[in-house]
PDB file of N, CA and C in Angstrom:
ATOM      1  N   UNK A   1      83.779  78.331  95.833  1.00  0.00           N
ATOM      2  CA  UNK A   1      84.043  77.359  96.866  1.00  0.00           C
ATOM      3  C   UNK A   1      84.287  76.007  96.193  1.00  0.00           C
ATOM      4  N   UNK A   2      85.367  75.340  96.567  1.00  0.00           N
ATOM      5  CA  UNK A   2      85.735  74.054  96.001  1.00  0.00           C
ATOM      6  C   UNK A   2      85.675  72.985  97.078  1.00  0.00           C
ATOM      7  N   UNK A   3      85.091  71.846  96.746  1.00  0.00           N
ATOM      8  CA  UNK A   3      85.043  70.732  97.692  1.00  0.00           C
ATOM      9  C   UNK A   3      86.117  69.722  97.311  1.00  0.00           C
ATOM     10  N   UNK A   4      86.791  69.206  98.324  1.00  0.00           N
ATOM     11  CA  UNK A   4      87.775  68.156  98.114  1.00  0.00           C
ATOM     12  C   UNK A   4      87.466  67.019  99.069  1.00  0.00           C
ATOM     13  N   UNK A   5      87.494  65.800  98.547  1.00  0.00           N
ATOM     14  CA  UNK A   5      87.219  64.604  99.340  1.00  0.00           C
ATOM     15  C   UNK A   5      88.534  63.969  99.770  1.00  0.00           C
ATOM     16  N   UNK A   6      88.616  63.605 101.047  1.00  0.00           N
ATOM     17  CA  UNK A   6      89.823  62.998 101.589  1.00  0.00           C
ATOM     18  C   UNK A   6      89.473  61.697 102.298  1.00  0.00           C
ATOM     19  N   UNK A   7      90.235  60.623 102.030  1.00  0.00           N
ATOM     20  CA  UNK A   7      89.979  59.360 102.725  1.00  0.00           C
ATOM     21  C   UNK A   7      90.356  59.482 104.202  1.00  0.00           C
ATOM     22  N   UNK A   8      89.459  59.013 105.074  1.00  0.00           N
ATOM     23  CA  UNK A   8      89.716  59.090 106.515  1.00  0.00           C
ATOM     24  C   UNK A   8      89.614  57.731 107.203  1.00  0.00           C
ATOM     25  N   UNK A   9      89.056  56.717 106.506  1.00  0.00           N
ATOM     26  CA  UNK A   9      88.929  55.381 107.102  1.00  0.00           C
ATOM     27  C   UNK A   9      88.755  54.347 105.997  1.00  0.00           C
ATOM     28  N   UNK A  10      89.155  53.126 106.303  1.00  0.00           N
ATOM     29  CA  UNK A  10      88.932  52.013 105.389  1.00  0.00           C
ATOM     30  C   UNK A  10      87.492  51.534 105.538  1.00  0.00           C
ATOM     31  N   UNK A  11      86.866  51.163 104.439  1.00  0.00           N
ATOM     32  CA  UNK A  11      85.516  50.622 104.468  1.00  0.00           C
ATOM     33  C   UNK A  11      85.514  49.362 105.334  1.00  0.00           C
ATOM     34  N   UNK A  12      84.591  49.252 106.255  1.00  0.00           N
ATOM     35  CA  UNK A  12      84.513  48.095 107.146  1.00  0.00           C
ATOM     36  C   UNK A  12      85.280  48.252 108.443  1.00  0.00           C
ATOM     37  N   UNK A  13      86.042  49.332 108.595  1.00  0.00           N
ATOM     38  CA  UNK A  13      86.833  49.537 109.817  1.00  0.00           C
ATOM     39  C   UNK A  13      85.969  49.958 111.001  1.00  0.00           C
ATOM     40  N   UNK A  14      84.797  50.511 110.723  1.00  0.00           N
ATOM     41  CA  UNK A  14      83.891  50.966 111.781  1.00  0.00           C
ATOM     42  C   UNK A  14      82.653  50.072 111.751  1.00  0.00           C
ATOM     43  N   UNK A  15      82.390  49.321 112.822  1.00  0.00           N
ATOM     44  CA  UNK A  15      81.194  48.468 112.849  1.00  0.00           C
ATOM     45  C   UNK A  15      79.913  49.292 112.719  1.00  0.00           C
ATOM     46  N   UNK A  16      78.868  48.650 112.215  1.00  0.00           N
ATOM     47  CA  UNK A  16      77.567  49.306 112.050  1.00  0.00           C
ATOM     48  C   UNK A  16      77.078  49.848 113.384  1.00  0.00           C
ATOM     49  N   UNK A  17      76.525  51.060 113.346  1.00  0.00           N
ATOM     50  CA  UNK A  17      75.984  51.766 114.512  1.00  0.00           C
ATOM     51  C   UNK A  17      77.042  52.094 115.565  1.00  0.00           C
ATOM     52  N   UNK A  18      78.262  52.328 115.090  1.00  0.00           N
ATOM     53  CA  UNK A  18      79.343  52.778 115.972  1.00  0.00           C
ATOM     54  C   UNK A  18      80.062  53.951 115.326  1.00  0.00           C
ATOM     55  N   UNK A  19      80.846  54.637 116.140  1.00  0.00           N
ATOM     56  CA  UNK A  19      81.635  55.757 115.665  1.00  0.00           C
ATOM     57  C   UNK A  19      83.102  55.571 115.994  1.00  0.00           C
ATOM     58  N   UNK A  20      83.941  56.317 115.305  1.00  0.00           N
ATOM     59  CA  UNK A  20      85.377  56.330 115.567  1.00  0.00           C
ATOM     60  C   UNK A  20      85.885  57.752 115.376  1.00  0.00           C
ATOM     61  N   UNK A  21      86.882  58.088 116.155  1.00  0.00           N
ATOM     62  CA  UNK A  21      87.545  59.377 115.986  1.00  0.00           C
ATOM     63  C   UNK A  21      88.542  59.249 114.850  1.00  0.00           C
ATOM     64  N   UNK A  22      88.481  60.198 113.918  1.00  0.00           N
ATOM     65  CA  UNK A  22      89.472  60.282 112.851  1.00  0.00           C
ATOM     66  C   UNK A  22      89.980  61.715 112.824  1.00  0.00           C
ATOM     67  N   UNK A  23      91.187  61.887 112.357  1.00  0.00           N
ATOM     68  CA  UNK A  23      91.775  63.227 112.311  1.00  0.00           C
ATOM     69  C   UNK A  23      92.163  63.574 110.890  1.00  0.00           C
ATOM     70  N   UNK A  24      92.002  64.837 110.578  1.00  0.00           N
ATOM     71  CA  UNK A  24      92.466  65.379 109.313  1.00  0.00           C
ATOM     72  C   UNK A  24      93.190  66.665 109.658  1.00  0.00           C
ATOM     73  N   UNK A  25      94.504  66.604 109.658  1.00  0.00           N
ATOM     74  CA  UNK A  25      95.276  67.748 110.139  1.00  0.00           C
ATOM     75  C   UNK A  25      94.946  67.980 111.598  1.00  0.00           C
ATOM     76  N   UNK A  26      94.542  69.196 111.934  1.00  0.00           N
ATOM     77  CA  UNK A  26      94.184  69.519 113.317  1.00  0.00           C
ATOM     78  C   UNK A  26      92.696  69.313 113.602  1.00  0.00           C
ATOM     79  N   UNK A  27      91.944  68.881 112.599  1.00  0.00           N
ATOM     80  CA  UNK A  27      90.504  68.687 112.767  1.00  0.00           C
ATOM     81  C   UNK A  27      90.238  67.284 113.290  1.00  0.00           C
ATOM     82  N   UNK A  28      89.498  67.194 114.396  1.00  0.00           N
ATOM     83  CA  UNK A  28      89.121  65.911 114.983  1.00  0.00           C
ATOM     84  C   UNK A  28      87.649  65.659 114.661  1.00  0.00           C
ATOM     85  N   UNK A  29      87.399  64.559 113.957  1.00  0.00           N
ATOM     86  CA  UNK A  29      86.059  64.244 113.461  1.00  0.00           C
ATOM     87  C   UNK A  29      85.559  62.950 114.086  1.00  0.00           C
ATOM     88  N   UNK A  30      84.254  62.906 114.364  1.00  0.00           N
ATOM     89  CA  UNK A  30      83.587  61.667 114.755  1.00  0.00           C
ATOM     90  C   UNK A  30      82.929  61.120 113.493  1.00  0.00           C
ATOM     91  N   UNK A  31      83.353  59.934 113.069  1.00  0.00           N
ATOM     92  CA  UNK A  31      82.830  59.302 111.862  1.00  0.00           C
ATOM     93  C   UNK A  31      81.966  58.120 112.276  1.00  0.00           C
ATOM     94  N   UNK A  32      80.727  58.076 111.786  1.00  0.00           N
ATOM     95  CA  UNK A  32      79.764  57.058 112.191  1.00  0.00           C
ATOM     96  C   UNK A  32      79.317  56.214 111.008  1.00  0.00           C
ATOM     97  N   UNK A  33      79.239  54.898 111.231  1.00  0.00           N
ATOM     98  CA  UNK A  33      78.696  53.963 110.257  1.00  0.00           C
ATOM     99  C   UNK A  33      77.242  53.703 110.626  1.00  0.00           C
ATOM    100  N   UNK A  34      76.312  54.214 109.820  1.00  0.00           N
ATOM    101  CA  UNK A  34      74.888  54.022 110.088  1.00  0.00           C
ATOM    102  C   UNK A  34      74.314  52.852 109.296  1.00  0.00           C
ATOM    103  N   UNK A  35      75.165  52.057 108.691  1.00  0.00           N
ATOM    104  CA  UNK A  35      74.722  50.903 107.913  1.00  0.00           C
ATOM    105  C   UNK A  35      74.594  51.226 106.442  1.00  0.00           C
ATOM    106  N   UNK A  36      73.652  52.067 106.095  1.00  0.00           N
ATOM    107  CA  UNK A  36      73.430  52.459 104.704  1.00  0.00           C
ATOM    108  C   UNK A  36      74.271  53.667 104.302  1.00  0.00           C
ATOM    109  N   UNK A  37      74.805  54.362 105.291  1.00  0.00           N
ATOM    110  CA  UNK A  37      75.567  55.581 105.015  1.00  0.00           C
ATOM    111  C   UNK A  37      76.512  55.882 106.175  1.00  0.00           C
ATOM    112  N   UNK A  38      77.444  56.773 105.911  1.00  0.00           N
ATOM    113  CA  UNK A  38      78.353  57.270 106.939  1.00  0.00           C
ATOM    114  C   UNK A  38      78.023  58.728 107.204  1.00  0.00           C
ATOM    115  N   UNK A  39      78.206  59.142 108.438  1.00  0.00           N
ATOM    116  CA  UNK A  39      78.005  60.542 108.834  1.00  0.00           C
ATOM    117  C   UNK A  39      79.248  61.010 109.571  1.00  0.00           C
ATOM    118  N   UNK A  40      79.598  62.289 109.402  1.00  0.00           N
ATOM    119  CA  UNK A  40      80.782  62.858 110.043  1.00  0.00           C
ATOM    120  C   UNK A  40      80.433  64.205 110.667  1.00  0.00           C
ATOM    121  N   UNK A  41      80.855  64.384 111.916  1.00  0.00           N
ATOM    122  CA  UNK A  41      80.632  65.639 112.641  1.00  0.00           C
ATOM    123  C   UNK A  41      81.882  65.953 113.460  1.00  0.00           C
ATOM    124  N   UNK A  42      81.993  67.202 113.925  1.00  0.00           N
ATOM    125  CA  UNK A  42      83.061  67.516 114.870  1.00  0.00           C
ATOM    126  C   UNK A  42      82.942  66.566 116.051  1.00  0.00           C
ATOM    127  N   UNK A  43      84.075  66.157 116.604  1.00  0.00           N
ATOM    128  CA  UNK A  43      84.072  65.129 117.646  1.00  0.00           C
ATOM    129  C   UNK A  43      83.696  65.643 119.027  1.00  0.00           C
ATOM    130  N   UNK A  44      83.589  66.918 119.239  1.00  0.00           N
ATOM    131  CA  UNK A  44      83.320  67.452 120.581  1.00  0.00           C
ATOM    132  C   UNK A  44      81.869  67.880 120.736  1.00  0.00           C
ATOM    133  N   UNK A  45      81.219  67.335 121.753  1.00  0.00           N
ATOM    134  CA  UNK A  45      79.830  67.671 122.059  1.00  0.00           C
ATOM    135  C   UNK A  45      79.707  69.183 122.277  1.00  0.00           C
ATOM    136  N   UNK A  46      78.633  69.802 121.784  1.00  0.00           N
ATOM    137  CA  UNK A  46      78.494  71.250 121.941  1.00  0.00           C
ATOM    138  C   UNK A  46      78.217  71.686 123.378  1.00  0.00           C
ATOM    139  N   UNK A  47      77.869  70.766 124.246  1.00  0.00           N
ATOM    140  CA  UNK A  47      77.513  71.120 125.616  1.00  0.00           C
ATOM    141  C   UNK A  47      78.719  71.082 126.554  1.00  0.00           C
ATOM    142  N   UNK A  48      79.360  69.909 126.688  1.00  0.00           N
ATOM    143  CA  UNK A  48      80.491  69.780 127.619  1.00  0.00           C
ATOM    144  C   UNK A  48      81.738  69.201 126.959  1.00  0.00           C
ATOM    145  N   UNK A  49      81.781  69.258 125.642  1.00  0.00           N
ATOM    146  CA  UNK A  49      82.964  68.859 124.876  1.00  0.00           C
ATOM    147  C   UNK A  49      83.288  67.369 124.965  1.00  0.00           C
ATOM    148  N   UNK A  50      82.300  66.535 125.273  1.00  0.00           N
ATOM    149  CA  UNK A  50      82.513  65.085 125.318  1.00  0.00           C
ATOM    150  C   UNK A  50      82.860  64.532 123.944  1.00  0.00           C
ATOM    151  N   UNK A  51      83.582  63.398 123.887  1.00  0.00           N
ATOM    152  CA  UNK A  51      83.976  62.797 122.611  1.00  0.00           C
ATOM    153  C   UNK A  51      82.805  62.058 121.956  1.00  0.00           C
ATOM    154  N   UNK A  52      82.171  62.670 120.981  1.00  0.00           N
ATOM    155  CA  UNK A  52      80.987  62.081 120.360  1.00  0.00           C
ATOM    156  C   UNK A  52      81.268  60.731 119.707  1.00  0.00           C
ATOM    157  N   UNK A  53      82.488  60.513 119.225  1.00  0.00           N
ATOM    158  CA  UNK A  53      82.823  59.232 118.598  1.00  0.00           C
ATOM    159  C   UNK A  53      82.654  58.066 119.565  1.00  0.00           C
ATOM    160  N   UNK A  54      82.712  58.333 120.861  1.00  0.00           N
ATOM    161  CA  UNK A  54      82.552  57.286 121.878  1.00  0.00           C
ATOM    162  C   UNK A  54      81.108  57.144 122.344  1.00  0.00           C
ATOM    163  N   UNK A  55      80.203  57.908 121.752  1.00  0.00           N
ATOM    164  CA  UNK A  55      78.808  57.898 122.175  1.00  0.00           C
ATOM    165  C   UNK A  55      78.027  56.711 121.637  1.00  0.00           C
ATOM    166  N   UNK A  56      76.770  56.628 122.046  1.00  0.00           N
ATOM    167  CA  UNK A  56      75.866  55.563 121.619  1.00  0.00           C
ATOM    168  C   UNK A  56      75.026  56.070 120.452  1.00  0.00           C
ATOM    169  N   UNK A  57      75.077  55.334 119.342  1.00  0.00           N
ATOM    170  CA  UNK A  57      74.331  55.703 118.141  1.00  0.00           C
ATOM    171  C   UNK A  57      72.911  55.158 118.236  1.00  0.00           C
ATOM    172  N   UNK A  58      71.951  56.013 117.908  1.00  0.00           N
ATOM    173  CA  UNK A  58      70.544  55.617 117.868  1.00  0.00           C
ATOM    174  C   UNK A  58      69.913  56.258 116.637  1.00  0.00           C
ATOM    175  N   UNK A  59      69.624  55.451 115.636  1.00  0.00           N
ATOM    176  CA  UNK A  59      69.087  55.995 114.385  1.00  0.00           C
ATOM    177  C   UNK A  59      70.099  56.911 113.730  1.00  0.00           C
ATOM    178  N   UNK A  60      69.731  58.172 113.545  1.00  0.00           N
ATOM    179  CA  UNK A  60      70.638  59.155 112.939  1.00  0.00           C
ATOM    180  C   UNK A  60      71.057  60.207 113.953  1.00  0.00           C
ATOM    181  N   UNK A  61      71.262  59.749 115.190  1.00  0.00           N
ATOM    182  CA  UNK A  61      71.768  60.643 116.232  1.00  0.00           C
ATOM    183  C   UNK A  61      72.722  59.869 117.123  1.00  0.00           C
ATOM    184  N   UNK A  62      73.458  60.614 117.939  1.00  0.00           N
ATOM    185  CA  UNK A  62      74.408  60.006 118.870  1.00  0.00           C
ATOM    186  C   UNK A  62      74.206  60.643 120.239  1.00  0.00           C
ATOM    187  N   UNK A  63      74.306  59.816 121.280  1.00  0.00           N
ATOM    188  CA  UNK A  63      74.213  60.297 122.653  1.00  0.00           C
ATOM    189  C   UNK A  63      75.623  60.494 123.190  1.00  0.00           C
ATOM    190  N   UNK A  64      75.923  61.700 123.649  1.00  0.00           N
ATOM    191  CA  UNK A  64      77.241  62.008 124.201  1.00  0.00           C
ATOM    192  C   UNK A  64      77.533  61.065 125.365  1.00  0.00           C
ATOM    193  N   UNK A  65      78.743  60.510 125.437  1.00  0.00           N
ATOM    194  CA  UNK A  65      79.065  59.581 126.522  1.00  0.00           C
ATOM    195  C   UNK A  65      79.203  60.247 127.890  1.00  0.00           C
ATOM    196  N   UNK A  66      79.351  61.560 127.948  1.00  0.00           N
ATOM    197  CA  UNK A  66      79.522  62.232 129.240  1.00  0.00           C
ATOM    198  C   UNK A  66      78.211  62.488 129.957  1.00  0.00           C
ATOM    199  N   UNK A  67      77.165  62.868 129.200  1.00  0.00           N
ATOM    200  CA  UNK A  67      75.934  63.270 129.873  1.00  0.00           C
ATOM    201  C   UNK A  67      74.682  62.985 129.046  1.00  0.00           C
ATOM    202  N   UNK A  68      74.826  62.152 128.023  1.00  0.00           N
ATOM    203  CA  UNK A  68      73.705  61.659 127.204  1.00  0.00           C
ATOM    204  C   UNK A  68      72.972  62.721 126.394  1.00  0.00           C
ATOM    205  N   UNK A  69      73.609  63.845 126.104  1.00  0.00           N
ATOM    206  CA  UNK A  69      72.983  64.819 125.211  1.00  0.00           C
ATOM    207  C   UNK A  69      72.836  64.172 123.837  1.00  0.00           C
ATOM    208  N   UNK A  70      71.669  64.265 123.249  1.00  0.00           N
ATOM    209  CA  UNK A  70      71.376  63.657 121.957  1.00  0.00           C
ATOM    210  C   UNK A  70      71.686  64.659 120.841  1.00  0.00           C
ATOM    211  N   UNK A  71      72.630  64.304 119.964  1.00  0.00           N
ATOM    212  CA  UNK A  71      73.065  65.181 118.877  1.00  0.00           C
ATOM    213  C   UNK A  71      72.696  64.544 117.539  1.00  0.00           C
ATOM    214  N   UNK A  72      72.008  65.302 116.689  1.00  0.00           N
ATOM    215  CA  UNK A  72      71.625  64.824 115.364  1.00  0.00           C
ATOM    216  C   UNK A  72      72.860  64.682 114.478  1.00  0.00           C
ATOM    217  N   UNK A  73      72.964  63.545 113.792  1.00  0.00           N
ATOM    218  CA  UNK A  73      74.050  63.354 112.837  1.00  0.00           C
ATOM    219  C   UNK A  73      73.681  63.910 111.461  1.00  0.00           C
ATOM    220  N   UNK A  74      72.453  64.387 111.317  1.00  0.00           N
ATOM    221  CA  UNK A  74      72.020  64.987 110.055  1.00  0.00           C
ATOM    222  C   UNK A  74      72.340  66.476 109.998  1.00  0.00           C
ATOM    223  N   UNK A  75      72.068  67.197 111.098  1.00  0.00           N
ATOM    224  CA  UNK A  75      72.324  68.643 111.083  1.00  0.00           C
ATOM    225  C   UNK A  75      73.309  69.099 112.159  1.00  0.00           C
ATOM    226  N   UNK A  76      73.764  68.183 113.011  1.00  0.00           N
ATOM    227  CA  UNK A  76      74.757  68.506 114.029  1.00  0.00           C
ATOM    228  C   UNK A  76      74.218  69.180 115.271  1.00  0.00           C
ATOM    229  N   UNK A  77      72.918  69.415 115.330  1.00  0.00           N
ATOM    230  CA  UNK A  77      72.343  70.147 116.466  1.00  0.00           C
ATOM    231  C   UNK A  77      71.868  69.211 117.569  1.00  0.00           C
ATOM    232  N   UNK A  78      72.046  69.668 118.803  1.00  0.00           N
ATOM    233  CA  UNK A  78      71.535  68.928 119.950  1.00  0.00           C
ATOM    234  C   UNK A  78      70.017  68.931 119.875  1.00  0.00           C
ATOM    235  N   UNK A  79      69.410  67.797 120.193  1.00  0.00           N
ATOM    236  CA  UNK A  79      67.961  67.661 120.089  1.00  0.00           C
ATOM    237  C   UNK A  79      67.247  68.615 121.047  1.00  0.00           C
ATOM    238  N   UNK A  80      67.820  68.870 122.222  1.00  0.00           N
ATOM    239  CA  UNK A  80      67.201  69.769 123.208  1.00  0.00           C
ATOM    240  C   UNK A  80      68.047  71.021 123.426  1.00  0.00           C
ATOM    241  N   UNK A  81      68.404  71.673 122.364  1.00  0.00           N
ATOM    242  CA  UNK A  81      69.205  72.890 122.502  1.00  0.00           C
ATOM    243  C   UNK A  81      70.661  72.566 122.773  1.00  0.00           C
ATOM    244  N   UNK A  82      71.361  73.425 123.442  1.00  0.00           N
ATOM    245  CA  UNK A  82      72.774  73.257 123.824  1.00  0.00           C
ATOM    246  C   UNK A  82      73.740  73.399 122.661  1.00  0.00           C
ATOM    247  N   UNK A  83      73.281  73.892 121.508  1.00  0.00           N
ATOM    248  CA  UNK A  83      74.197  74.189 120.424  1.00  0.00           C
ATOM    249  C   UNK A  83      74.299  73.111 119.366  1.00  0.00           C
ATOM    250  N   UNK A  84      75.237  73.328 118.445  1.00  0.00           N
ATOM    251  CA  UNK A  84      75.428  72.429 117.304  1.00  0.00           C
ATOM    252  C   UNK A  84      76.914  72.184 117.078  1.00  0.00           C
ATOM    253  N   UNK A  85      77.209  71.095 116.378  1.00  0.00           N
ATOM    254  CA  UNK A  85      78.562  70.809 115.921  1.00  0.00           C
ATOM    255  C   UNK A  85      78.556  70.873 114.392  1.00  0.00           C
ATOM    256  N   UNK A  86      79.719  71.059 113.817  1.00  0.00           N
ATOM    257  CA  UNK A  86      79.831  71.118 112.362  1.00  0.00           C
ATOM    258  C   UNK A  86      79.626  69.725 111.774  1.00  0.00           C
ATOM    259  N   UNK A  87      78.896  69.674 110.662  1.00  0.00           N
ATOM    260  CA  UNK A  87      78.659  68.431 109.935  1.00  0.00           C
ATOM    261  C   UNK A  87      79.504  68.456 108.665  1.00  0.00           C
ATOM    262  N   UNK A  88      80.145  67.324 108.365  1.00  0.00           N
ATOM    263  CA  UNK A  88      80.958  67.194 107.157  1.00  0.00           C
ATOM    264  C   UNK A  88      80.311  66.166 106.231  1.00  0.00           C
ATOM    265  N   UNK A  89      80.230  66.440 104.929  1.00  0.00           N
ATOM    266  CA  UNK A  89      79.740  65.418 104.005  1.00  0.00           C
ATOM    267  C   UNK A  89      80.668  64.200 104.035  1.00  0.00           C
ATOM    268  N   UNK A  90      80.082  63.010 103.994  1.00  0.00           N
ATOM    269  CA  UNK A  90      80.862  61.771 103.994  1.00  0.00           C
ATOM    270  C   UNK A  90      80.263  60.815 102.973  1.00  0.00           C
ATOM    271  N   UNK A  91      81.132  60.048 102.313  1.00  0.00           N
ATOM    272  CA  UNK A  91      80.653  59.045 101.364  1.00  0.00           C
ATOM    273  C   UNK A  91      81.726  57.988 101.153  1.00  0.00           C
ATOM    274  N   UNK A  92      81.264  56.833 100.648  1.00  0.00           N
ATOM    275  CA  UNK A  92      82.172  55.736 100.325  1.00  0.00           C
ATOM    276  C   UNK A  92      82.691  55.955  98.910  1.00  0.00           C
ATOM    277  N   UNK A  93      84.010  55.859  98.787  1.00  0.00           N
ATOM    278  CA  UNK A  93      84.657  55.960  97.480  1.00  0.00           C
ATOM    279  C   UNK A  93      85.611  54.778  97.375  1.00  0.00           C
ATOM    280  N   UNK A  94      85.209  53.775  96.589  1.00  0.00           N
ATOM    281  CA  UNK A  94      86.015  52.568  96.491  1.00  0.00           C
ATOM    282  C   UNK A  94      86.004  51.819  97.809  1.00  0.00           C
ATOM    283  N   UNK A  95      87.172  51.548  98.361  1.00  0.00           N
ATOM    284  CA  UNK A  95      87.296  50.813  99.622  1.00  0.00           C
ATOM    285  C   UNK A  95      87.544  51.745 100.807  1.00  0.00           C
ATOM    286  N   UNK A  96      87.266  53.038 100.623  1.00  0.00           N
ATOM    287  CA  UNK A  96      87.523  54.006 101.696  1.00  0.00           C
ATOM    288  C   UNK A  96      86.307  54.877 101.962  1.00  0.00           C
ATOM    289  N   UNK A  97      86.250  55.360 103.190  1.00  0.00           N
ATOM    290  CA  UNK A  97      85.246  56.351 103.557  1.00  0.00           C
ATOM    291  C   UNK A  97      85.937  57.708 103.476  1.00  0.00           C
ATOM    292  N   UNK A  98      85.335  58.629 102.743  1.00  0.00           N
ATOM    293  CA  UNK A  98      85.931  59.945 102.532  1.00  0.00           C
ATOM    294  C   UNK A  98      85.044  61.031 103.127  1.00  0.00           C
ATOM    295  N   UNK A  99      85.689  62.095 103.560  1.00  0.00           N
ATOM    296  CA  UNK A  99      84.997  63.251 104.121  1.00  0.00           C
ATOM    297  C   UNK A  99      85.375  64.463 103.281  1.00  0.00           C
ATOM    298  N   UNK A 100      84.397  65.345 103.055  1.00  0.00           N
ATOM    299  CA  UNK A 100      84.621  66.538 102.239  1.00  0.00           C
ATOM    300  C   UNK A 100      85.011  67.726 103.104  1.00  0.00           C
ATOM    301  N   UNK A 101      85.983  68.456 102.621  1.00  0.00           N
ATOM    302  CA  UNK A 101      86.401  69.712 103.223  1.00  0.00           C
ATOM    303  C   UNK A 101      86.358  70.763 102.123  1.00  0.00           C
ATOM    304  N   UNK A 102      85.953  71.971 102.479  1.00  0.00           N
ATOM    305  CA  UNK A 102      85.774  73.038 101.499  1.00  0.00           C
ATOM    306  C   UNK A 102      86.939  74.015 101.541  1.00  0.00           C
ATOM    307  N   UNK A 103      87.338  74.443 100.353  1.00  0.00           N
ATOM    308  CA  UNK A 103      88.323  75.513 100.236  1.00  0.00           C
ATOM    309  C   UNK A 103      87.574  76.782  99.877  1.00  0.00           C
ATOM    310  N   UNK A 104      87.942  77.868 100.483  1.00  0.00           N
ATOM    311  CA  UNK A 104      87.257  79.127 100.219  1.00  0.00           C
ATOM    312  C   UNK A 104      86.131  79.342 101.200  1.00  0.00           C
ATOM    313  N   UNK A 105      85.312  80.357 100.943  1.00  0.00           N
ATOM    314  CA  UNK A 105      84.215  80.692 101.856  1.00  0.00           C
ATOM    315  C   UNK A 105      83.077  79.708 101.703  1.00  0.00           C
ATOM    316  N   UNK A 106      82.429  79.434 102.853  1.00  0.00           N
ATOM    317  CA  UNK A 106      81.267  78.548 102.842  1.00  0.00           C
ATOM    318  C   UNK A 106      80.017  79.332 103.053  1.00  0.00           C
TER     319      UNK A 106
END
């Protein structure tokens, strides 16, 4: 399995404790600036498919804007069940925020 990092946002483009939708090919990702780090997850809530990038960030979780389901940005799972979303590794590289995608089996 090979990991490749791809730039998805400019550093500073996302205010602290906010998220933005970014796309990589057909993949829609919610990218969050937590101040000390960035977190990336699939943009659709596991419960009703709400856009997580538009949610309210609290610590290391986000509340879905449709119905306030609390989703962990660490493991992608809803705090009270209702499933999980995929989590992508994210890090700052130079002046860009990059997200990792894997080639091969995970």
